[in-house]
Each structure stands twice: as structure tokens, then as C-alpha cells.
């Protein structure tokens, strides 16, 4: 068996591209038990996600979780599935198309944008293969995780570099580590919230709910919790809110270990009991709507709030394909592409240099 994958067909003089790999966490292929079992096996089998000793976790995962959780999760996914498929995949695909359009409009250098999922399809390895097939000799990985966490950003880095190990001719690589405090990201969030408020009015309280992580990750040096708090503070300031007008919380708990607090659902229940009657929830850490926003926040947490006496509850949709967010993605990408793309790139000059390269290669005995 060959050590390396075959390289894409290449002709001397071909103009190289710069690739952008837009990465999201992942989604099952269908809202069905078998698809959820495959997805959860890959997701929960990642040691970056669950840091329990492998032999013990293997027994728990394969003996209990994969026999009980897939059916329950499949029902939840079915409640938010669309005719086009998984909302997360649909929005991620549209974001990739929107980013490609903006890069093409802002820099003449040839670029290619593809999207990939850390878990599920299309995989990061498939994304790398597509970019190489499109003659990308440089790749920027742009994760759709504004806040860095070992379980998301670092895990995606692992998958990227594992994919690159399978090639002989490895492209140059850059990775966007985080952008939790990037001005364009914060302003995109502000625009999303304000446009929603323009239609639905302002709430008594705005809750900013981020995906939770185990408490021990904070104690061991993961900056995720701190970056979420900073995003929340910056968004609150951008909206002109006083600290008592908003709260930051964490959702999507899993297992029995302590996670970073406060937890979203208990906080929402408490606020309702304290007399908050009108609440809006936004999820700044989720640039694309998904199960955690549409089902957990949009349905489960809403029910909890109303059950405790709250009168009006709204989930503010994720950034999705909003123009300010796509513009922000382009800003973030171009900052990290500096030196790789240029506003001064000329197709005529590139073609001339390619022709010269071909002549030299032929003179040296190469075939076309």
C-alpha cells in the first residue's frame, strides 16, 4: 500500500490558488438512529472532547451511550431538520459560498473556499483533497468557532494535520486560532441583535448562551471560558447595555462532571421566578443555527422559562448568512491571508509567468 495519496494531475504553468477551509463542528447525515450512532461514535470518541482514560471511556461509550443516546438524539434532530437537510450544514455551505464571493470581489488573487465538518461529512480530509485538486498550494483553516477550545479548534487542527500527513506535496498552512474579540465579529453580532429588536422590541433581559465545557478544562488552562466572557462583555457594550441588563451562561451539558457556570436553563428558570417577564436569548458562539440553538434554546429553554412564569421568550437567530457576518468572515480571512493574496495580483502577469515556467520545464525535458 502506498504511503502517500496520489497527487492531483498537474501541468507546468498552472496558476496556483490559495484555499480557505471553513470548518464547523459537524452534523449527522440524517435524523435517524443509525446516523446518530455513527456521528456520536466519532464525536464522543475524540479524546479532545472527552478526557476520560480511554479504556474506561470506551466501555461507557460503547456499552451505554451508543446504545441509549442515538434514538433520543435522532428525535431531537428530526424536530429541526429541513427539506434541505441539517440546518448547520445548510448554513455552513451558504457561508462558504458567501465568503467565496466576497474574497473574489475584494482581491484578484485566485482563491477557493470549501467547507468541512470536524465530525461527519464532508470531512476535513475531503476538504483538503478538494483544495489540492483545485491547485491550492496554500490553505487557511478558518474554524467557525469564534472562541478557542481544545475540544473544537484544537481538535480541528488535529484533523487537518492528520489529513496532511497523507500527502507527499504538503501545502503551506495557516490556522485562525480565534476571533472572539474581533471588531467585525462583535459588530456582526450587534447588527443581528439590533435588527431583531427593531422588529420584536427590547427584552427585560438578554441572555448570551455559549456551549458549555467541563470545569476541569478551565482549571487546566483552556481559555474558552474567559474568551466567552469577553465576547459577552464586548457585545453588551456594543449594544449599550448595562451589566445588569444581560447575562452570560453555558448550555449543552453532558455527563455528571461539573461544567463552567452558570448553566443556561437553571439561570433562565431563576430569572423567570425573580420576575423577568420578557427574555431574549442569543448564542454568540454558534455562527450557524443547529440543534443546540434551534431545539435546545428555541424549544427546551423556552418551555422552561414559560413554565416558571415568564410571559414572552424569543431566541435571536444565529448569524447564519447575514451580510455583516459574511463581511466579517472576509475581514478575518483576509487578515490571515496577508502575503498570500494581493490586491495587485495580475492574471496577465500570472499567465506570462506560467508560460515561461512551462517553456523552462519543457526545455529541461519535462512533459506537458
Protein backbone atom coordinates (compact mmCIF):
# COMPACT_ATOMS: atom_id res chain seq x y z
CA UNK A 1 0.00 0.00 0.00
CA UNK A 2 1.36 3.41 -0.99
CA UNK A 3 2.49 5.63 1.86
CA UNK A 4 1.04 8.75 0.26
CA UNK A 5 -2.08 9.55 -1.73
CA UNK A 6 -1.64 10.30 -5.40
CA UNK A 7 -1.15 13.96 -6.20
CA UNK A 8 -3.73 15.71 -8.41
CA UNK A 9 -2.97 15.99 -12.12
CA UNK A 10 -0.67 18.92 -12.76
CA UNK A 11 0.52 20.76 -15.84
CA UNK A 12 3.56 23.02 -15.77
CA UNK A 13 2.47 26.62 -15.85
CA UNK A 14 -0.79 26.03 -13.96
CA UNK A 15 -1.64 29.04 -11.79
CA UNK A 16 -1.80 28.12 -8.11
CA UNK A 17 -4.67 29.12 -5.85
CA UNK A 18 -4.96 29.96 -2.17
CA UNK A 19 -7.53 27.84 -0.38
CA UNK A 20 -9.76 28.61 2.59
CA UNK A 21 -11.13 25.67 4.56
CA UNK A 22 -14.19 26.79 6.52
CA UNK A 23 -14.68 24.27 9.33
CA UNK A 24 -17.72 23.66 11.51
CA UNK A 25 -18.16 21.08 14.25
CA UNK A 26 -20.42 18.64 12.44
CA UNK A 27 -23.82 17.09 12.00
CA UNK A 28 -25.26 13.62 11.38
CA UNK A 29 -26.20 12.65 7.83
CA UNK A 30 -29.85 12.15 8.75
CA UNK A 31 -32.14 12.39 11.80
CA UNK A 32 -32.05 8.65 12.21
CA UNK A 33 -30.74 6.35 14.92
CA UNK A 34 -28.08 4.71 12.75
CA UNK A 35 -26.76 8.07 11.52
CA UNK A 36 -26.67 9.44 15.07
CA UNK A 37 -24.80 6.37 16.26
CA UNK A 38 -22.09 6.91 13.61
CA UNK A 39 -21.87 10.59 14.39
CA UNK A 40 -21.75 10.20 18.16
CA UNK A 41 -19.18 7.40 17.93
CA UNK A 42 -16.82 9.72 16.05
CA UNK A 43 -17.61 12.81 18.12
CA UNK A 44 -17.52 11.28 21.59
CA UNK A 45 -14.63 9.01 20.65
CA UNK A 46 -12.34 12.02 20.22
CA UNK A 47 -10.02 12.30 23.25
CA UNK A 48 -10.07 16.08 22.79
CA UNK A 49 -13.81 16.01 23.54
CA UNK A 50 -13.86 13.59 26.47
CA UNK A 51 -10.70 13.47 28.57
CA UNK A 52 -11.54 10.30 30.48
CA UNK A 53 -8.98 7.45 30.43
CA UNK A 54 -9.55 5.61 27.15
CA UNK A 55 -10.29 2.06 28.41
CA UNK A 56 -12.90 3.31 30.89
CA UNK A 57 -14.47 5.70 28.39
CA UNK A 58 -14.57 3.02 25.68
CA UNK A 59 -16.69 0.83 27.98
CA UNK A 60 -19.04 3.71 28.86
CA UNK A 61 -19.34 4.92 25.27
CA UNK A 62 -19.89 1.55 23.61
CA UNK A 63 -21.65 -0.16 26.50
CA UNK A 64 -24.10 2.56 27.47
CA UNK A 65 -24.14 5.81 25.49
CA UNK A 66 -24.20 4.43 21.94
CA UNK A 67 -27.00 2.07 22.95
CA UNK A 68 -29.23 4.72 24.54
CA UNK A 69 -28.48 8.21 23.22
CA UNK A 70 -28.80 7.85 19.39
CA UNK A 71 -32.57 7.27 19.39
CA UNK A 72 -33.21 10.21 21.71
CA UNK A 73 -30.90 12.49 19.74
CA UNK A 74 -32.49 11.40 16.46
CA UNK A 75 -35.88 12.60 17.68
CA UNK A 76 -34.41 15.98 18.56
CA UNK A 77 -32.72 16.33 15.18
CA UNK A 78 -35.97 15.38 13.44
CA UNK A 79 -37.67 18.35 15.13
CA UNK A 80 -35.32 20.85 13.45
CA UNK A 81 -34.46 19.04 10.18
CA UNK A 82 -35.32 20.94 6.99
CA UNK A 83 -36.19 19.78 3.45
CA UNK A 84 -32.63 20.82 2.50
CA UNK A 85 -31.13 18.77 5.31
CA UNK A 86 -29.32 19.64 8.53
CA UNK A 87 -29.60 23.38 9.33
CA UNK A 88 -25.96 23.52 10.39
CA UNK A 89 -24.77 22.01 7.13
CA UNK A 90 -27.06 24.21 5.02
CA UNK A 91 -25.92 27.41 6.73
CA UNK A 92 -22.25 26.41 6.64
CA UNK A 93 -22.46 25.69 2.91
CA UNK A 94 -24.08 29.08 2.31
CA UNK A 95 -21.48 30.82 4.43
CA UNK A 96 -18.71 29.23 2.36
CA UNK A 97 -20.38 30.46 -0.84
CA UNK A 98 -20.82 33.95 0.60
CA UNK A 99 -17.21 34.08 1.75
CA UNK A 100 -16.00 32.97 -1.69
CA UNK A 101 -18.00 35.77 -3.35
CA UNK A 102 -16.58 38.40 -1.02
CA UNK A 103 -12.99 37.25 -1.40
CA UNK A 104 -13.35 37.27 -5.20
CA UNK A 105 -14.72 40.82 -5.04
CA UNK A 106 -12.01 42.14 -2.72
CA UNK A 107 -8.82 40.56 -4.04
CA UNK A 108 -7.99 39.44 -7.59
CA UNK A 109 -5.69 36.64 -6.42
CA UNK A 110 -7.24 33.26 -7.28
CA UNK A 111 -8.84 31.71 -4.20
CA UNK A 112 -11.04 28.72 -3.45
CA UNK A 113 -13.32 28.25 -0.45
CA UNK A 114 -14.68 24.89 0.65
CA UNK A 115 -16.38 23.87 3.88
CA UNK A 116 -15.81 20.81 6.03
CA UNK A 117 -17.02 19.24 9.27
CA UNK A 118 -14.82 18.03 12.10
CA UNK A 119 -17.28 15.19 12.64
CA UNK A 120 -19.44 13.82 9.86
CA UNK A 121 -19.41 14.80 6.22
CA UNK A 122 -17.81 16.42 4.33
CA UNK A 123 -14.72 15.65 6.37
CA UNK A 124 -11.70 17.86 6.81
CA UNK A 125 -9.66 15.31 4.84
CA UNK A 126 -12.17 15.61 1.98
CA UNK A 127 -11.91 19.40 2.14
CA UNK A 128 -8.12 19.27 1.91
CA UNK A 129 -8.37 16.87 -1.05
CA UNK A 130 -10.76 19.22 -2.85
CA UNK A 131 -8.49 22.22 -2.31
CA UNK A 132 -5.46 20.31 -3.56
CA UNK A 133 -7.43 19.18 -6.61
CA UNK A 134 -8.10 22.85 -7.31
CA UNK A 135 -4.33 23.51 -7.23
CA UNK A 136 -4.20 25.26 -3.86
CA UNK A 137 -0.63 25.31 -2.62
CA UNK A 138 -1.59 27.29 0.50
CA UNK A 139 -4.51 26.59 2.83
CA UNK A 140 -6.02 28.74 5.57
CA UNK A 141 -8.23 26.86 8.00
CA UNK A 142 -10.94 29.18 9.34
CA UNK A 143 -12.94 27.43 12.07
CA UNK A 144 -16.49 28.56 12.79
CA UNK A 145 -15.62 28.59 16.48
CA UNK A 146 -15.08 32.24 17.49
CA UNK A 147 -13.80 31.20 20.93
CA UNK A 148 -10.84 28.80 21.10
CA UNK A 149 -11.33 25.50 22.89
CA UNK A 150 -9.22 22.37 22.83
CA UNK A 151 -12.36 20.34 22.11
CA UNK A 152 -13.21 22.35 18.97
CA UNK A 153 -10.38 24.41 17.48
CA UNK A 154 -7.54 22.17 18.59
CA UNK A 155 -9.43 19.04 17.57
CA UNK A 156 -9.94 20.52 14.10
CA UNK A 157 -6.23 21.27 13.93
CA UNK A 158 -5.55 17.64 14.78
CA UNK A 159 -7.76 16.50 11.89
CA UNK A 160 -6.18 18.98 9.48
CA UNK A 161 -2.62 17.90 10.19
CA UNK A 162 -3.61 14.24 10.20
CA UNK A 163 -5.03 14.75 6.70
CA UNK A 164 -1.86 16.50 5.55
CA UNK A 165 0.23 13.51 6.69
CA UNK A 166 -1.24 11.53 3.80
CA UNK A 167 0.31 13.77 1.11
CA UNK A 168 3.78 13.97 -0.31
CA UNK A 169 3.40 17.57 -1.54
CA UNK A 170 2.03 19.34 1.53
CA UNK A 171 0.63 22.86 1.04
CA UNK A 172 1.53 25.81 3.23
CA UNK A 173 -0.89 26.05 6.14
CA UNK A 174 -2.23 28.73 8.43
CA UNK A 175 -4.93 28.38 11.08
CA UNK A 176 -7.19 31.03 12.58
CA UNK A 177 -6.98 30.30 16.29
CA UNK A 178 -9.84 32.51 17.48
CA UNK A 179 -11.66 35.78 16.82
CA UNK A 180 -13.77 36.14 19.94
CA UNK A 181 -12.94 39.84 20.24
CA UNK A 182 -12.55 40.75 16.58
CA UNK A 183 -14.35 44.07 15.97
CA UNK A 184 -16.06 42.82 12.81
CA UNK A 185 -17.40 39.74 14.62
CA UNK A 186 -18.70 41.83 17.52
CA UNK A 187 -20.32 44.31 15.15
CA UNK A 188 -21.97 41.47 13.22
CA UNK A 189 -23.45 40.19 16.48
CA UNK A 190 -24.59 43.70 17.39
CA UNK A 191 -26.28 44.13 14.00
CA UNK A 192 -28.02 40.76 14.35
CA UNK A 193 -29.42 41.59 17.78
CA UNK A 194 -30.43 45.13 16.88
CA UNK A 195 -32.18 44.04 13.68
CA UNK A 196 -34.17 41.53 15.74
CA UNK A 197 -35.03 44.14 18.34
CA UNK A 198 -36.19 46.53 15.63
CA UNK A 199 -38.99 44.05 14.87
CA UNK A 200 -39.69 42.44 18.25
CA UNK A 201 -38.74 45.14 20.73
CA UNK A 202 -36.16 45.03 23.52
CA UNK A 203 -36.41 42.48 26.34
CA UNK A 204 -36.19 42.88 30.08
CA UNK A 205 -33.09 40.68 29.96
CA UNK A 206 -30.74 39.45 27.24
CA UNK A 207 -29.10 36.09 27.94
CA UNK A 208 -25.98 35.21 25.94
CA UNK A 209 -25.71 31.44 25.94
CA UNK A 210 -22.48 29.70 24.91
CA UNK A 211 -21.77 25.99 24.59
CA UNK A 212 -20.53 24.63 27.87
CA UNK A 213 -17.27 22.82 28.63
CA UNK A 214 -16.21 20.81 31.69
CA UNK A 215 -14.88 22.92 34.54
CA UNK A 216 -11.62 20.98 34.60
CA UNK A 217 -10.70 22.36 31.16
CA UNK A 218 -10.62 25.86 32.62
CA UNK A 219 -8.55 24.69 35.56
CA UNK A 220 -6.08 23.05 33.14
CA UNK A 221 -5.53 26.18 31.09
CA UNK A 222 -8.17 26.19 28.34
CA UNK A 223 -9.01 29.87 27.56
CA UNK A 224 -12.53 29.14 26.28
CA UNK A 225 -14.45 30.31 29.35
CA UNK A 226 -12.53 33.59 29.50
CA UNK A 227 -13.00 34.22 25.79
CA UNK A 228 -16.76 33.67 26.08
CA UNK A 229 -16.94 36.17 28.93
CA UNK A 230 -15.01 38.71 26.86
CA UNK A 231 -17.29 38.23 23.87
CA UNK A 232 -20.29 38.74 26.14
CA UNK A 233 -18.85 41.90 27.64
CA UNK A 234 -17.94 43.38 24.26
CA UNK A 235 -21.35 42.58 22.81
CA UNK A 236 -23.06 44.10 25.84
CA UNK A 237 -21.00 47.27 25.42
CA UNK A 238 -21.69 47.39 21.67
CA UNK A 239 -25.43 47.19 22.41
CA UNK A 240 -25.18 49.93 25.05
CA UNK A 241 -26.35 47.60 27.81
CA UNK A 242 -25.59 47.92 31.49
CA UNK A 243 -24.17 44.79 33.17
CA UNK A 244 -27.49 44.07 34.91
CA UNK A 245 -29.34 44.06 31.56
CA UNK A 246 -27.63 40.92 30.25
CA UNK A 247 -26.17 37.66 31.49
CA UNK A 248 -23.66 35.13 30.11
CA UNK A 249 -24.43 31.44 30.58
CA UNK A 250 -23.46 27.98 29.30
CA UNK A 251 -25.60 25.25 27.77
CA UNK A 252 -25.48 21.71 26.35
CA UNK A 253 -24.20 19.95 29.46
CA UNK A 254 -23.16 16.31 29.14
CA UNK A 255 -22.34 13.77 31.82
CA UNK A 256 -22.10 14.19 35.58
CA UNK A 257 -18.94 16.30 35.88
CA UNK A 258 -19.17 19.96 36.86
CA UNK A 259 -19.19 22.32 33.86
CA UNK A 260 -18.48 26.03 33.70
CA UNK A 261 -21.34 28.05 35.19
CA UNK A 262 -23.94 29.46 35.25
CA UNK A 263 -25.94 26.85 33.35
CA UNK A 264 -28.42 28.36 30.89
CA UNK A 265 -31.64 26.54 31.75
CA UNK A 266 -31.38 26.92 35.56
CA UNK A 267 -30.48 30.60 35.07
CA UNK A 268 -33.48 31.18 32.83
CA UNK A 269 -35.78 29.49 35.35
CA UNK A 270 -34.35 31.61 38.16
CA UNK A 271 -34.79 34.84 36.23
CA UNK A 272 -38.42 33.97 35.47
CA UNK A 273 -39.08 33.31 39.17
CA UNK A 274 -37.45 36.65 40.02
CA UNK A 275 -39.91 38.49 37.81
CA UNK A 276 -38.24 38.77 34.39
CA UNK A 277 -41.23 38.52 32.08
CA UNK A 278 -39.67 39.22 28.66
CA UNK A 279 -36.45 37.43 27.77
CA UNK A 280 -34.38 37.15 24.62
CA UNK A 281 -31.58 34.60 24.22
CA UNK A 282 -28.73 34.87 21.71
CA UNK A 283 -25.96 32.31 21.14
CA UNK A 284 -22.82 34.24 20.09
CA UNK A 285 -20.61 31.15 19.94
CA UNK A 286 -22.78 29.49 17.27
CA UNK A 287 -22.37 31.34 13.94
CA UNK A 288 -24.77 28.87 12.31
CA UNK A 289 -28.09 27.64 13.67
CA UNK A 290 -28.04 23.99 14.73
CA UNK A 291 -29.54 21.53 17.19
CA UNK A 292 -28.15 23.40 20.19
CA UNK A 293 -29.74 26.70 19.15
CA UNK A 294 -32.97 25.66 17.43
CA UNK A 295 -34.03 22.77 19.65
CA UNK A 296 -32.29 23.33 22.97
CA UNK A 297 -32.56 27.12 23.19
CA UNK A 298 -35.52 27.63 20.88
CA UNK A 299 -37.69 24.88 22.38
CA UNK A 300 -36.41 23.37 25.65
CA UNK A 301 -35.21 26.55 27.35
CA UNK A 302 -38.26 28.44 26.11
CA UNK A 303 -40.52 25.88 27.77
CA UNK A 304 -38.53 26.15 30.99
CA UNK A 305 -38.90 29.96 31.04
CA UNK A 306 -42.64 29.93 30.37
CA UNK A 307 -43.22 27.14 32.89
CA UNK A 308 -41.63 29.26 35.63
CA UNK A 309 -43.93 32.21 34.92
CA UNK A 310 -42.17 34.11 32.16
CA UNK A 311 -44.54 35.69 29.64
CA UNK A 312 -42.55 36.33 26.46
CA UNK A 313 -39.47 34.49 25.19
CA UNK A 314 -37.51 34.92 21.96
CA UNK A 315 -34.49 33.12 20.54
CA UNK A 316 -32.49 35.52 18.34
CA UNK A 317 -31.29 33.55 15.29
CA UNK A 318 -27.59 32.89 14.73
CA UNK A 319 -25.52 34.98 12.34
CA UNK A 320 -26.08 32.45 9.54
CA UNK A 321 -25.79 34.25 6.16
CA UNK A 322 -26.32 37.82 7.38
CA UNK A 323 -24.35 40.34 5.32
CA UNK A 324 -22.45 41.77 8.33
CA UNK A 325 -21.31 38.27 9.29
CA UNK A 326 -20.16 37.33 5.79
CA UNK A 327 -18.31 40.65 5.61
CA UNK A 328 -16.72 39.88 8.98
CA UNK A 329 -15.64 36.42 7.79
CA UNK A 330 -13.97 38.06 4.80
CA UNK A 331 -12.20 40.57 7.06
CA UNK A 332 -10.94 37.80 9.34
CA UNK A 333 -9.84 35.63 6.41
CA UNK A 334 -8.01 38.46 4.62
CA UNK A 335 -6.10 39.42 7.77
CA UNK A 336 -4.76 35.87 7.97
CA UNK A 337 -4.17 35.65 4.21
CA UNK A 338 -1.87 38.68 4.19
CA UNK A 339 1.13 37.94 1.99
CA UNK A 340 -0.67 35.05 0.31
CA UNK A 341 -3.16 37.16 -1.64
CA UNK A 342 -2.67 40.64 -3.01
CA UNK A 343 -4.79 43.45 -4.44
CA UNK A 344 -2.03 43.89 -7.02
CA UNK A 345 -2.24 40.35 -8.44
CA UNK A 346 -2.48 40.33 -12.24
CA UNK A 347 -3.92 37.45 -14.25
CA UNK A 348 -1.93 38.57 -17.30
CA UNK A 349 1.32 38.56 -15.34
CA UNK A 350 0.50 35.21 -13.77
CA UNK A 351 -0.23 33.72 -17.20
CA UNK A 352 3.02 35.14 -18.56
CA UNK A 353 4.97 33.65 -15.67
CA UNK A 354 3.16 30.35 -16.17
CA UNK A 355 4.04 30.26 -19.86
CA UNK A 356 7.66 30.96 -19.04
CA UNK A 357 7.64 28.20 -16.42
CA UNK A 358 6.23 25.77 -18.97
CA UNK A 359 8.91 26.65 -21.53
CA UNK A 360 11.66 26.13 -18.99
CA UNK A 361 10.16 22.80 -17.90
CA UNK A 362 9.91 21.58 -21.49
CA UNK A 363 13.46 22.66 -22.15
CA UNK A 364 14.53 20.62 -19.14
CA UNK A 365 12.83 17.55 -20.55
CA UNK A 366 9.52 17.62 -18.72
CA UNK A 367 6.31 16.51 -20.42
CA UNK A 368 3.28 18.73 -20.63
